[in-house]
Amino acid sequence: MELIKRYADLDFSSYEDFYENFHIKKPDNFNFGYDVVDELAKLCPNKRALVWCNDHGEEHILTFADMKRYSDKTANYFRSLGIRKGDFVMLILKRHMQFWPSMVALHKIGAVAIPATHLLTKKDLLYRFSAAGITSVVATGDGDVTKHVDEAAAEYGGLKNKICVMAAESTWPAGEGWQDFNQGVEAASDTWVRPTGEDATHGEDGMLLYFTSGTTGEPKMVMHNFFYPLGHIVTAKFWHNIIDDTLHFTVADTGWGKAVWGKLYGQWLCEAAVFVYDYSAKFQPSDLLKKIEEYKVTSFCAPPTIFRFFIKEDLTKYDLSSLRYTTIAGEPLNPEIYYQFKKATGLKLHEGFGQTETVVCIANFPWMEPKPGSMGRPAPGFGIDIVDEDGNSCQAGIEGEIVMRMDEKNPPIGLFMGYYKDEQRKESVWRNGMYHTGDIAWKDEDGYLWYVGRADDVIKSSGYRIGPFEVESALLTHPAVLETAITAVPDELRGQVVKATVVLAKGYEPSDELKKELQNHVKKATAPYKYPRIVEFVEELPKTISGKIRRVQLREHDIHTRQLTDTE
């Protein structure tokens, strides 16, 4: 693990030593494509970089030498199409192998990469094309993706290149004006020279842009610079606990920010291989477990939903002995999942917290004993604090907003540059020397942080502040509850009351008796005043395209229903 030592020290005796002394060196012209991928191709050309397979029996193992060659050819192909430094290029590639050389190629060119999900429709794409000024799209030929791109492009008018990654060699799924990615890259030269002068990249240049899915309003455009990959040294080395020449598996579609957290930057800086399972059929937990067993995955990261499915499987059927370390993020961790997974595998789940705007900034690091349900302790450099509405630090046990205290002229590596074309929105969250996350938490006497919920989701009832996560966690320990969302409903007497919207597990039917049972269950599991006075059973919960529950939609539904009732 020699390369990473150029950018950070790795040896620390304790969490306190790590927090106080960890520091990242950042060369002004750092570029992940050249300074990591190409450098590893020199230092360890035959070391695995990517282990890719799909649910059709295909498998490809690419070394760092392969990745350099493939990304150089891809860069030459993109340049032949007129893609230049500063251009905005959208990648809609699911988990296809072409994502990795495309990302590296765009970094080498200096273009801004915009990973996006294949779930976007015409309306979503049109907004994104126009908002960012996207000039090129590289898209999968699976499903209706190219169709939606064509429909949006017809109204947008600014798209210069439409490049398709074919779903099958025997068919051409795209319509008129699409170019074949595989043919174009195959025909391109594998000789690429690092640009100089005006075409060279610098650390502060924009490199990566994500549209946050958001639970309210239009998505924000989160811009990261070329230093951003270095921030993921903490993510991979000190949260995923990755060591040299191992195989890491993060469950994430390439359209989400979690993909570069766990499937690219930090892992390659640690000289570990990234494992990718590109499945097109419906998610089956047994398939993931078989892949972990077959490929001897050594570290694994997934959201709680995946682990919730895992613990419902008979884990004794699978040989998971290769797994050394497991991490969890994306949603708050229900302690019940932690205990059941540890009982079945002996592995502790190490929770972490971050946003599209950041790298991991709170986590359970290797020197720490995880407290089930806690996000962990702050990562170095971010100045994490819990503050009240006046910006004052909260004492242990008192809820407040998670903020990052910093010198705004010298922000920590991994924190976003800002919201592209929206300085006003940036100023609304980045003020008074603090970045305001909009998330509510509290810390205990040991400095561990415990998530409560988004600021807009916290319920104020009869003078009490009630975090939705704690009530949701209590409900999820009942066998009848498959999914739930806790929201506030206006109440004349109490201001607000707690409402639970519940999706039932198989074998359970809605009834007044079950409502009462769930209410009593919460009263026993947590403080009685937090129980849901209203319980509604539904077939499914409204979610964003990234899978986050849209509590705002549930609140709007309740307000609308109440207005209709008041007018009757």
Protein backbone atom coordinates (compact mmCIF):
# COMPACT_ATOMS: atom_id res chain seq x y z
CA MET A 1 0.00 0.00 0.00
CA GLU A 2 2.76 2.37 -1.04
CA LEU A 3 0.79 4.80 -3.22
CA ILE A 4 -1.61 5.98 -0.53
CA LYS A 5 1.32 6.85 1.75
CA ARG A 6 2.15 9.68 -0.64
CA TYR A 7 -1.05 11.38 0.41
CA ALA A 8 -1.61 10.42 4.06
CA ASP A 9 -0.09 8.71 7.08
CA LEU A 10 -1.81 5.43 7.90
CA ASP A 11 -0.48 4.36 11.29
CA PHE A 12 -2.33 5.58 14.37
CA SER A 13 -2.48 4.14 17.86
CA SER A 14 -6.02 5.18 18.77
CA TYR A 15 -9.08 7.04 17.58
CA GLU A 16 -7.81 10.14 19.39
CA ASP A 17 -4.44 9.88 17.63
CA PHE A 18 -6.23 9.45 14.29
CA TYR A 19 -8.59 12.38 14.90
CA GLU A 20 -5.86 14.77 16.00
CA ASN A 21 -3.08 13.85 13.56
CA PHE A 22 -4.57 12.52 10.33
CA HIS A 23 -3.80 14.88 7.44
CA ILE A 24 -4.14 14.63 3.66
CA LYS A 25 -1.48 16.04 1.34
CA LYS A 26 -2.96 17.48 -1.84
CA PRO A 27 -0.74 18.26 -4.84
CA ASP A 28 -2.22 21.20 -6.75
CA ASN A 29 -2.60 19.25 -9.98
CA PHE A 30 -3.87 15.99 -8.43
CA ASN A 31 -5.91 13.96 -10.91
CA PHE A 32 -7.19 10.52 -9.91
CA GLY A 33 -6.87 9.21 -13.46
CA TYR A 34 -3.16 9.90 -13.74
CA ASP A 35 -1.95 9.94 -10.15
CA VAL A 36 -3.77 6.83 -8.98
CA VAL A 37 -4.90 4.65 -11.91
CA ASP A 38 -1.92 5.25 -14.19
CA GLU A 39 0.52 5.23 -11.29
CA LEU A 40 -0.77 1.87 -10.07
CA ALA A 41 -0.46 0.57 -13.62
CA LYS A 42 3.27 1.32 -13.25
CA LEU A 43 3.73 0.13 -9.67
CA CYS A 44 1.60 -3.03 -9.73
CA PRO A 45 0.33 -3.60 -13.30
CA ASN A 46 -0.94 -7.13 -12.65
CA LYS A 47 -2.84 -6.38 -9.47
CA ARG A 48 -6.63 -6.70 -9.73
CA ALA A 49 -8.57 -3.46 -10.00
CA LEU A 50 -12.06 -4.62 -10.96
CA VAL A 51 -13.77 -8.00 -10.56
CA TRP A 52 -17.01 -7.78 -12.53
CA CYS A 53 -19.72 -10.34 -13.17
CA ASN A 54 -23.39 -10.31 -14.09
CA ASP A 55 -26.42 -12.54 -13.77
CA HIS A 56 -25.91 -13.94 -17.29
CA GLY A 57 -22.71 -15.78 -16.42
CA GLU A 58 -20.25 -13.21 -17.79
CA GLU A 59 -17.11 -12.37 -15.86
CA HIS A 60 -14.26 -9.90 -16.40
CA ILE A 61 -11.25 -9.28 -14.19
CA LEU A 62 -9.35 -6.10 -15.03
CA THR A 63 -5.91 -5.26 -13.66
CA PHE A 64 -4.66 -1.73 -13.12
CA ALA A 65 -2.72 -2.06 -16.37
CA ASP A 66 -5.98 -3.03 -18.10
CA MET A 67 -7.77 -0.08 -16.56
CA LYS A 68 -5.10 2.37 -17.73
CA ARG A 69 -5.28 1.02 -21.28
CA TYR A 70 -9.09 0.88 -21.32
CA SER A 71 -9.46 4.40 -19.88
CA ASP A 72 -6.87 5.79 -22.34
CA LYS A 73 -8.78 4.30 -25.27
CA THR A 74 -12.04 5.66 -23.83
CA ALA A 75 -10.50 9.12 -23.42
CA ASN A 76 -9.35 9.08 -27.04
CA TYR A 77 -12.79 7.99 -28.17
CA PHE A 78 -14.50 10.74 -26.17
CA ARG A 79 -12.05 13.33 -27.49
CA SER A 80 -12.77 12.20 -31.05
CA LEU A 81 -16.41 13.12 -30.38
CA GLY A 82 -15.42 16.62 -29.29
CA ILE A 83 -15.60 16.11 -25.52
CA ARG A 84 -13.20 18.55 -23.90
CA LYS A 85 -12.17 19.90 -20.50
CA GLY A 86 -15.10 21.49 -18.69
CA ASP A 87 -17.81 19.68 -20.70
CA PHE A 88 -20.64 18.10 -18.71
CA VAL A 89 -21.12 14.42 -19.48
CA MET A 90 -23.87 12.25 -18.00
CA LEU A 91 -23.29 8.54 -17.37
CA ILE A 92 -26.37 6.33 -17.07
CA LEU A 93 -24.69 2.94 -16.87
CA LYS A 94 -26.27 0.99 -13.99
CA ARG A 95 -23.50 -1.41 -12.87
CA HIS A 96 -22.09 -1.99 -16.35
CA MET A 97 -18.34 -2.46 -16.58
CA GLN A 98 -18.02 0.52 -18.94
CA PHE A 99 -18.71 2.93 -16.06
CA TRP A 100 -15.21 2.62 -14.58
CA PRO A 101 -13.11 3.41 -17.68
CA SER A 102 -15.58 6.16 -18.59
CA MET A 103 -15.19 7.86 -15.21
CA VAL A 104 -11.41 7.65 -15.35
CA ALA A 105 -11.37 8.87 -18.97
CA LEU A 106 -13.49 11.91 -18.12
CA HIS A 107 -11.15 12.71 -15.22
CA LYS A 108 -8.16 12.51 -17.57
CA ILE A 109 -9.85 14.82 -20.08
CA GLY A 110 -10.98 17.22 -17.36
CA ALA A 111 -14.67 16.93 -18.20
CA VAL A 112 -17.29 16.97 -15.44
CA ALA A 113 -18.76 13.50 -14.89
CA ILE A 114 -22.44 13.31 -13.89
CA PRO A 115 -23.45 9.78 -12.80
CA ALA A 116 -27.20 9.25 -12.96
CA THR A 117 -29.70 6.50 -12.30
CA HIS A 118 -31.43 4.54 -15.06
CA LEU A 119 -34.75 5.24 -13.32
CA LEU A 120 -34.90 8.80 -14.66
CA THR A 121 -37.78 9.62 -17.00
CA LYS A 122 -38.04 12.22 -19.75
CA LYS A 123 -39.06 14.94 -17.28
CA ASP A 124 -36.15 14.14 -14.94
CA LEU A 125 -33.63 14.11 -17.77
CA LEU A 126 -34.89 17.31 -19.36
CA TYR A 127 -34.51 19.15 -16.06
CA ARG A 128 -30.97 17.82 -15.60
CA PHE A 129 -29.89 18.51 -19.20
CA SER A 130 -31.05 22.10 -18.95
CA ALA A 131 -29.89 22.81 -15.40
CA ALA A 132 -26.32 21.60 -15.91
CA GLY A 133 -25.87 22.26 -19.63
CA ILE A 134 -25.09 18.63 -20.41
CA THR A 135 -23.46 18.10 -23.81
CA SER A 136 -23.04 14.30 -23.95
CA VAL A 137 -24.74 11.21 -22.56
CA VAL A 138 -23.31 7.70 -22.22
CA ALA A 139 -26.24 5.40 -21.53
CA THR A 140 -27.12 1.76 -21.16
CA GLY A 141 -29.19 0.14 -23.87
CA ASP A 142 -31.23 -1.66 -21.21
CA GLY A 143 -34.93 -0.90 -20.90
CA ASP A 144 -36.28 2.49 -21.95
CA VAL A 145 -33.24 4.60 -21.05
CA THR A 146 -32.32 5.61 -24.60
CA LYS A 147 -35.98 6.30 -25.36
CA HIS A 148 -36.27 8.70 -22.43
CA VAL A 149 -32.98 10.37 -23.41
CA ASP A 150 -34.27 10.86 -26.97
CA GLU A 151 -37.53 12.39 -25.74
CA ALA A 152 -35.70 14.82 -23.43
CA ALA A 153 -33.04 15.65 -26.02
CA ALA A 154 -35.69 16.58 -28.59
CA GLU A 155 -36.89 19.42 -26.32
CA TYR A 156 -33.47 20.31 -24.91
CA GLY A 157 -31.59 20.77 -28.16
CA GLY A 158 -28.12 21.04 -26.61
CA LEU A 159 -27.04 17.41 -26.63
CA LYS A 160 -24.10 16.85 -29.00
CA ASN A 161 -23.38 13.17 -28.34
CA LYS A 162 -25.56 10.17 -27.52
CA ILE A 163 -23.42 7.11 -26.83
CA CYS A 164 -24.94 3.70 -26.12
CA VAL A 165 -23.53 0.74 -24.24
CA MET A 166 -25.29 -2.15 -25.91
CA ALA A 167 -27.36 -4.48 -23.79
CA ALA A 168 -26.64 -7.42 -26.12
CA GLU A 169 -24.21 -7.96 -28.98
CA SER A 170 -26.94 -9.24 -31.28
CA THR A 171 -29.23 -6.23 -31.03
CA TRP A 172 -28.95 -2.46 -31.31
CA PRO A 173 -31.40 -1.05 -28.77
CA ALA A 174 -30.91 2.65 -29.46
CA GLY A 175 -32.59 4.84 -32.04
CA GLU A 176 -31.29 7.34 -34.57
CA GLY A 177 -28.23 9.40 -33.72
CA TRP A 178 -26.76 7.00 -31.15
CA GLN A 179 -23.17 5.83 -31.33
CA ASP A 180 -21.80 2.47 -30.24
CA PHE A 181 -19.55 2.85 -27.18
CA ASN A 182 -17.92 -0.57 -27.50
CA GLN A 183 -17.06 -0.15 -31.18
CA GLY A 184 -15.80 3.38 -30.66
CA VAL A 185 -13.51 2.44 -27.78
CA GLU A 186 -12.22 -0.67 -29.54
CA ALA A 187 -11.17 1.40 -32.57
CA ALA A 188 -9.53 4.16 -30.49
CA SER A 189 -5.81 4.48 -29.84
CA ASP A 190 -4.45 3.35 -26.48
CA THR A 191 -1.87 6.14 -26.46
CA TRP A 192 -2.91 9.08 -24.34
CA VAL A 193 -0.68 11.89 -23.11
CA ARG A 194 -1.51 13.91 -20.01
CA PRO A 195 -2.63 17.39 -21.15
CA THR A 196 -0.60 20.46 -20.24
CA GLY A 197 -1.22 24.19 -20.26
CA GLU A 198 -4.84 25.28 -20.48
CA ASP A 199 -6.02 21.69 -20.94
CA ALA A 200 -4.44 20.49 -17.69
CA THR A 201 -6.63 20.01 -14.64
CA HIS A 202 -6.11 21.57 -11.21
CA GLY A 203 -7.32 20.46 -7.84
CA GLU A 204 -9.95 23.18 -7.51
CA ASP A 205 -11.52 22.48 -10.92
CA GLY A 206 -14.97 20.89 -11.02
CA MET A 207 -14.72 17.13 -11.58
CA LEU A 208 -17.90 15.43 -10.45
CA LEU A 209 -21.52 16.57 -10.17
CA TYR A 210 -24.46 14.81 -8.54
CA PHE A 211 -28.11 15.74 -8.61
CA THR A 212 -29.34 15.01 -5.10
CA SER A 213 -32.63 13.19 -5.13
CA GLY A 214 -34.00 15.31 -2.30
CA THR A 215 -37.28 14.80 -0.49
CA THR A 216 -38.53 18.30 -1.33
CA GLY A 217 -38.23 20.55 -4.35
CA GLU A 218 -36.04 20.13 -7.42
CA PRO A 219 -32.75 18.25 -7.05
CA LYS A 220 -29.69 20.26 -6.08
CA MET A 221 -26.50 20.10 -8.17
CA VAL A 222 -23.65 19.11 -5.85
CA MET A 223 -20.22 19.86 -7.35
CA HIS A 224 -16.98 18.21 -6.23
CA ASN A 225 -13.45 19.09 -7.31
CA PHE A 226 -10.42 16.98 -8.27
CA PHE A 227 -9.27 16.74 -4.65
CA TYR A 228 -12.48 14.92 -3.73
CA PRO A 229 -11.13 11.35 -4.27
CA LEU A 230 -8.44 11.98 -1.64
CA GLY A 231 -11.19 12.56 0.93
CA HIS A 232 -12.20 8.95 0.44
CA ILE A 233 -8.95 7.74 2.01
CA VAL A 234 -10.88 7.98 5.28
CA THR A 235 -13.91 6.25 3.76
CA ALA A 236 -11.99 3.23 2.51
CA LYS A 237 -8.97 2.86 4.77
CA PHE A 238 -10.44 3.90 8.10
CA TRP A 239 -14.15 3.10 7.79
CA HIS A 240 -14.30 0.15 5.37
CA ASN A 241 -10.98 -0.91 6.94
CA ILE A 242 -9.62 -1.98 3.56
CA ILE A 243 -6.17 -3.46 3.32
CA ASP A 244 -3.93 -4.02 0.30
CA ASP A 245 -4.89 -6.57 -2.37
CA THR A 246 -8.30 -7.49 -0.95
CA LEU A 247 -11.76 -7.50 -2.56
CA HIS A 248 -14.36 -4.95 -1.51
CA PHE A 249 -18.07 -5.10 -2.34
CA THR A 250 -20.35 -2.07 -1.88
CA VAL A 251 -23.96 -2.53 -2.95
CA ALA A 252 -24.83 0.55 -5.01
CA ASP A 253 -25.93 1.47 -8.49
CA THR A 254 -23.37 3.71 -10.21
CA GLY A 255 -25.97 6.49 -10.44
CA TRP A 256 -25.74 7.20 -6.72
CA GLY A 257 -22.97 8.94 -4.79
CA LYS A 258 -22.48 5.81 -2.69
CA ALA A 259 -20.92 4.15 -5.75
CA VAL A 260 -17.81 6.33 -5.73
CA TRP A 261 -17.66 5.96 -1.93
CA GLY A 262 -17.38 2.19 -2.21
CA LYS A 263 -16.67 1.20 -5.80
CA LEU A 264 -13.88 3.48 -6.99
CA TYR A 265 -11.79 6.17 -5.30
CA GLY A 266 -10.78 5.05 -1.83
CA GLN A 267 -10.61 1.37 -2.70
CA TRP A 268 -8.11 1.94 -5.52
CA LEU A 269 -6.10 4.36 -3.41
CA CYS A 270 -5.79 1.41 -1.01
CA GLU A 271 -4.76 -0.83 -3.94
CA ALA A 272 -7.75 -3.11 -3.35
CA ALA A 273 -9.99 -4.59 -6.01
CA VAL A 274 -13.61 -3.52 -6.43
CA PHE A 275 -16.21 -6.27 -6.81
CA VAL A 276 -19.26 -5.56 -8.96
CA TYR A 277 -22.31 -7.75 -9.47
CA ASP A 278 -24.27 -6.36 -12.41
CA TYR A 279 -27.70 -7.92 -12.01
CA SER A 280 -30.67 -6.99 -14.16
CA ALA A 281 -33.31 -9.20 -12.56
CA LYS A 282 -35.13 -8.42 -9.34
CA PHE A 283 -32.89 -8.21 -6.28
CA GLN A 284 -32.49 -11.52 -4.49
CA PRO A 285 -30.53 -11.55 -1.22
CA SER A 286 -29.47 -15.15 -1.84
CA ASP A 287 -27.71 -14.07 -5.06
CA LEU A 288 -25.55 -11.53 -3.22
CA LEU A 289 -24.67 -14.06 -0.54
CA LYS A 290 -23.65 -16.59 -3.21
CA LYS A 291 -21.39 -14.00 -4.85
CA ILE A 292 -19.72 -13.15 -1.55
CA GLU A 293 -19.08 -16.86 -1.06
CA GLU A 294 -17.96 -17.58 -4.65
CA TYR A 295 -15.59 -14.64 -5.06
CA LYS A 296 -14.38 -14.61 -1.45
CA VAL A 297 -15.26 -10.97 -0.82
CA THR A 298 -13.27 -9.64 2.14
CA SER A 299 -15.17 -6.44 3.04
CA PHE A 300 -18.79 -5.56 2.43
CA CYS A 301 -20.89 -2.40 2.70
CA ALA A 302 -24.64 -2.03 2.16
CA PRO A 303 -27.67 -0.13 3.46
CA PRO A 304 -29.68 -1.58 6.36
CA THR A 305 -32.35 -2.84 3.95
CA ILE A 306 -29.87 -5.36 2.48
CA PHE A 307 -28.88 -6.64 5.91
CA ARG A 308 -32.55 -6.83 6.86
CA PHE A 309 -33.03 -9.21 3.94
CA PHE A 310 -29.88 -11.13 4.88
CA ILE A 311 -30.97 -11.92 8.42
CA LYS A 312 -34.20 -13.38 7.07
CA GLU A 313 -32.14 -15.88 5.06
CA ASP A 314 -30.65 -19.06 6.48
CA LEU A 315 -27.08 -17.75 6.61
CA THR A 316 -25.75 -21.18 7.60
CA LYS A 317 -26.20 -22.21 3.95
CA TYR A 318 -23.42 -19.85 2.85
CA ASP A 319 -19.70 -19.83 3.50
CA LEU A 320 -19.04 -16.22 4.49
CA SER A 321 -15.70 -16.97 6.14
CA SER A 322 -13.83 -14.69 3.70
CA LEU A 323 -15.61 -11.63 5.12
CA ARG A 324 -13.40 -9.74 7.55
CA TYR A 325 -15.26 -6.46 7.92
CA THR A 326 -18.77 -5.12 7.33
CA THR A 327 -20.02 -1.55 7.18
CA ILE A 328 -23.47 -0.05 6.86
CA ALA A 329 -24.84 3.34 5.72
CA GLY A 330 -27.58 5.00 3.71
CA GLU A 331 -30.22 4.87 6.44
CA PRO A 332 -30.02 4.81 10.23
CA LEU A 333 -29.19 1.35 11.58
CA ASN A 334 -31.89 -0.41 13.55
CA PRO A 335 -30.08 -2.08 16.49
CA GLU A 336 -32.08 -5.27 15.99
CA ILE A 337 -30.37 -5.76 12.61
CA TYR A 338 -26.96 -5.32 14.24
CA TYR A 339 -27.59 -7.96 16.89
CA GLN A 340 -29.16 -10.53 14.56
CA PHE A 341 -26.41 -10.21 11.93
CA LYS A 342 -23.67 -10.47 14.57
CA LYS A 343 -25.35 -13.52 16.08
CA ALA A 344 -25.49 -15.20 12.65
CA THR A 345 -22.01 -14.28 11.39
CA GLY A 346 -19.94 -13.02 14.31
CA LEU A 347 -19.37 -9.77 12.37
CA LYS A 348 -20.04 -6.33 13.79
CA LEU A 349 -21.73 -3.73 11.60
CA HIS A 350 -19.79 -0.45 11.57
CA GLU A 351 -22.19 2.38 10.79
CA GLY A 352 -21.13 5.56 9.03
CA PHE A 353 -22.73 8.86 8.06
CA GLY A 354 -22.22 11.32 5.24
CA GLN A 355 -24.08 13.11 2.48
CA THR A 356 -23.77 13.57 -1.27
CA GLU A 357 -22.05 16.81 -0.29
CA THR A 358 -19.34 15.02 1.74
CA VAL A 359 -17.26 11.92 2.20
CA VAL A 360 -17.78 9.88 5.37
CA CYS A 361 -17.69 12.40 8.20
CA ILE A 362 -18.97 10.35 11.14
CA ALA A 363 -18.26 6.63 11.52
CA ASN A 364 -17.32 3.71 13.71
CA PHE A 365 -13.59 3.52 13.09
CA PRO A 366 -11.31 0.51 13.71
CA TRP A 367 -10.20 1.55 17.21
CA MET A 368 -13.80 1.94 18.39
CA GLU A 369 -16.31 -0.52 19.76
CA PRO A 370 -19.55 0.05 17.80
CA LYS A 371 -22.61 1.05 19.77
CA PRO A 372 -25.54 -0.47 17.83
CA GLY A 373 -27.63 2.37 16.41
CA SER A 374 -24.91 5.00 16.77
CA MET A 375 -23.31 6.61 13.71
CA GLY A 376 -19.99 6.62 15.57
CA ARG A 377 -17.60 9.51 16.15
CA PRO A 378 -16.43 12.41 13.94
CA ALA A 379 -13.90 11.91 11.17
CA PRO A 380 -10.79 14.12 11.33
CA GLY A 381 -10.86 17.48 9.60
CA PHE A 382 -14.61 18.10 9.63
CA GLY A 383 -15.07 19.80 13.00
CA ILE A 384 -18.36 18.00 13.66
CA ASP A 385 -20.55 19.63 16.30
CA ILE A 386 -24.16 19.47 17.49
CA VAL A 387 -25.68 22.94 17.81
CA ASP A 388 -28.94 24.52 18.87
CA GLU A 389 -30.95 27.01 16.81
CA ASP A 390 -28.61 29.84 17.85
CA GLY A 391 -25.49 27.97 16.78
CA ASN A 392 -24.37 27.12 20.33
CA SER A 393 -22.84 23.71 21.03
CA CYS A 394 -25.23 21.28 22.71
CA GLN A 395 -24.32 19.35 25.83
CA ALA A 396 -24.32 15.55 25.81
CA GLY A 397 -27.84 14.14 25.53
CA ILE A 398 -29.32 17.29 23.97
CA GLU A 399 -30.56 17.11 20.39
CA GLY A 400 -29.38 19.63 17.81
CA GLU A 401 -28.29 20.00 14.21
CA ILE A 402 -25.16 18.32 12.90
CA VAL A 403 -22.82 21.02 11.59
CA MET A 404 -19.23 21.16 10.42
CA ARG A 405 -17.18 24.02 11.84
CA MET A 406 -14.44 25.15 9.49
CA ASP A 407 -12.45 27.86 7.86
CA GLU A 408 -14.58 28.54 4.78
CA LYS A 409 -11.47 29.58 2.85
CA ASN A 410 -9.87 26.21 3.52
CA PRO A 411 -12.65 23.60 3.77
CA PRO A 412 -11.84 19.95 4.49
CA ILE A 413 -11.00 17.68 1.55
CA GLY A 414 -14.14 15.84 0.51
CA LEU A 415 -16.60 18.64 1.22
CA PHE A 416 -18.42 19.88 -1.87
CA MET A 417 -17.49 23.09 -3.70
CA GLY A 418 -21.06 24.32 -3.66
CA TYR A 419 -24.38 23.96 -5.46
CA TYR A 420 -23.69 24.58 -9.13
CA LYS A 421 -25.37 27.76 -10.43
CA ASP A 422 -27.05 28.30 -7.05
CA GLU A 423 -24.89 30.43 -4.77
CA GLN A 424 -27.91 31.48 -2.72
CA ARG A 425 -28.69 27.89 -1.82
CA LYS A 426 -25.07 27.29 -0.84
CA GLU A 427 -25.12 30.35 1.42
CA SER A 428 -28.25 29.00 3.11
CA VAL A 429 -26.34 25.95 4.39
CA TRP A 430 -22.75 27.25 4.49
CA ARG A 431 -22.77 30.21 6.88
CA ASN A 432 -21.14 31.58 10.03
CA GLY A 433 -18.14 29.33 9.50
CA MET A 434 -20.31 26.22 9.54
CA TYR A 435 -21.81 23.84 6.99
CA HIS A 436 -25.34 22.99 8.15
CA THR A 437 -26.30 19.41 7.26
CA GLY A 438 -29.99 19.72 8.13
CA ASP A 439 -29.74 16.48 10.14
CA ILE A 440 -30.61 16.24 13.83
CA ALA A 441 -28.62 14.12 16.27
CA TRP A 442 -27.32 13.99 19.83
CA LYS A 443 -24.05 12.85 21.33
CA ASP A 444 -23.50 10.71 24.39
CA GLU A 445 -20.90 11.09 27.14
CA ASP A 446 -18.36 9.10 25.09
CA GLY A 447 -18.70 11.36 22.06
CA TYR A 448 -20.71 8.90 19.97
CA LEU A 449 -23.40 10.50 17.80
CA TRP A 450 -26.97 9.19 17.51
CA TYR A 451 -29.17 10.08 14.57
CA VAL A 452 -32.65 11.52 15.18
CA GLY A 453 -33.87 12.59 11.72
CA ARG A 454 -33.94 15.39 9.20
CA ALA A 455 -34.72 18.75 10.80
CA ASP A 456 -37.98 18.98 8.86
CA ASP A 457 -39.02 15.52 10.08
CA VAL A 458 -38.62 16.04 13.85
CA ILE A 459 -42.00 16.06 15.58
CA LYS A 460 -42.89 18.54 18.35
CA SER A 461 -45.76 17.18 20.44
CA SER A 462 -46.91 18.62 23.80
CA GLY A 463 -43.50 20.22 24.27
CA TYR A 464 -41.58 17.02 23.46
CA ARG A 465 -39.23 16.63 20.48
CA ILE A 466 -39.68 13.21 18.90
CA GLY A 467 -37.29 11.85 16.28
CA PRO A 468 -38.94 9.65 13.66
CA PHE A 469 -36.04 7.17 13.54
CA GLU A 470 -36.43 6.03 17.14
CA VAL A 471 -40.15 5.31 16.68
CA GLU A 472 -39.51 3.61 13.34
CA SER A 473 -36.83 1.44 14.97
CA ALA A 474 -39.25 0.41 17.69
CA LEU A 475 -41.94 -0.52 15.17
CA LEU A 476 -39.51 -2.49 13.01
CA THR A 477 -38.86 -4.88 15.88
CA HIS A 478 -42.47 -6.07 15.58
CA PRO A 479 -42.81 -9.02 13.16
CA ALA A 480 -45.88 -7.51 11.47
CA VAL A 481 -43.98 -4.44 10.24
CA LEU A 482 -42.10 -4.66 6.96
CA GLU A 483 -41.60 -0.90 6.44
CA THR A 484 -42.77 2.21 8.22
CA ALA A 485 -42.52 5.99 8.13
CA ILE A 486 -43.16 8.27 11.08
CA THR A 487 -44.56 11.75 10.42
CA ALA A 488 -46.28 14.57 12.28
CA VAL A 489 -49.98 15.32 11.99
CA PRO A 490 -51.29 18.72 13.18
CA ASP A 491 -53.28 18.54 16.41
CA GLU A 492 -55.15 21.38 18.12
CA LEU A 493 -54.38 20.16 21.63
CA ARG A 494 -50.79 18.86 21.30
CA GLY A 495 -49.56 20.89 18.32
CA GLN A 496 -48.54 17.72 16.54
CA VAL A 497 -49.08 14.02 17.11
CA VAL A 498 -47.11 11.05 15.86
CA LYS A 499 -48.44 9.10 12.91
CA ALA A 500 -47.12 5.75 11.68
CA THR A 501 -47.68 4.77 8.08
CA VAL A 502 -47.06 1.02 7.96
CA VAL A 503 -46.46 -1.57 5.26
CA LEU A 504 -47.28 -4.97 6.72
CA ALA A 505 -45.21 -8.12 6.34
CA LYS A 506 -46.66 -11.15 4.58
CA GLY A 507 -49.25 -12.99 6.62
CA TYR A 508 -50.60 -9.92 8.41
CA GLU A 509 -53.82 -8.05 7.69
CA PRO A 510 -54.85 -4.52 8.76
CA SER A 511 -57.14 -4.34 11.77
CA ASP A 512 -57.97 -2.12 14.73
CA GLU A 513 -56.57 -4.84 17.00
CA LEU A 514 -53.22 -4.75 15.17
CA LYS A 515 -53.10 -0.94 15.42
CA LYS A 516 -53.52 -1.19 19.18
CA GLU A 517 -50.89 -3.93 19.36
CA LEU A 518 -48.36 -1.81 17.47
CA GLN A 519 -49.06 1.22 19.66
CA ASN A 520 -48.50 -0.81 22.82
CA HIS A 521 -45.36 -2.31 21.31
CA VAL A 522 -43.86 1.16 20.85
CA LYS A 523 -44.85 2.18 24.38
CA LYS A 524 -42.86 -0.78 25.73
CA ALA A 525 -39.87 -0.29 23.41
CA THR A 526 -39.37 3.45 23.99
CA ALA A 527 -40.74 6.35 26.02
CA PRO A 528 -44.54 5.99 26.06
CA TYR A 529 -45.19 9.58 24.89
CA LYS A 530 -43.53 8.72 21.56
CA TYR A 531 -46.09 6.11 20.53
CA PRO A 532 -48.02 6.74 17.27
CA ARG A 533 -51.50 7.99 18.10
CA ILE A 534 -52.43 7.43 14.47
CA VAL A 535 -51.60 4.24 12.54
CA GLU A 536 -52.38 3.88 8.85
CA PHE A 537 -51.75 0.71 6.83
CA VAL A 538 -50.69 1.11 3.19
CA GLU A 539 -49.49 -1.14 0.37
CA GLU A 540 -46.31 0.88 -0.19
CA LEU A 541 -44.55 4.05 0.93
CA PRO A 542 -43.85 6.97 -1.42
CA LYS A 543 -40.14 7.17 -2.21
CA THR A 544 -37.68 9.21 -4.21
CA ILE A 545 -35.90 7.59 -7.15
CA SER A 546 -32.98 6.87 -4.81
CA GLY A 547 -35.27 4.93 -2.48
CA LYS A 548 -35.60 7.47 0.33
CA ILE A 549 -39.03 7.70 1.94
CA ARG A 550 -40.79 10.93 0.96
CA ARG A 551 -42.20 11.93 4.34
CA VAL A 552 -43.11 15.32 2.87
CA GLN A 553 -45.57 13.55 0.56
CA LEU A 554 -47.12 11.75 3.51
CA ARG A 555 -47.46 15.04 5.39
CA GLU A 556 -49.01 16.75 2.36
CA HIS A 557 -51.47 13.85 2.01
CA ASP A 558 -52.53 14.23 5.64
CA ILE A 559 -52.97 18.00 5.32
CA HIS A 560 -55.02 17.56 2.14
CA THR A 561 -57.17 14.87 3.76
CA ARG A 562 -57.78 17.10 6.78
CA GLN A 563 -58.76 20.04 4.56
CA LEU A 564 -61.27 17.89 2.74
CA THR A 565 -62.69 16.69 6.06
CA ASP A 566 -62.98 20.27 7.37
CA THR A 567 -64.99 21.35 4.31
CA GLU A 568 -67.45 18.49 4.47
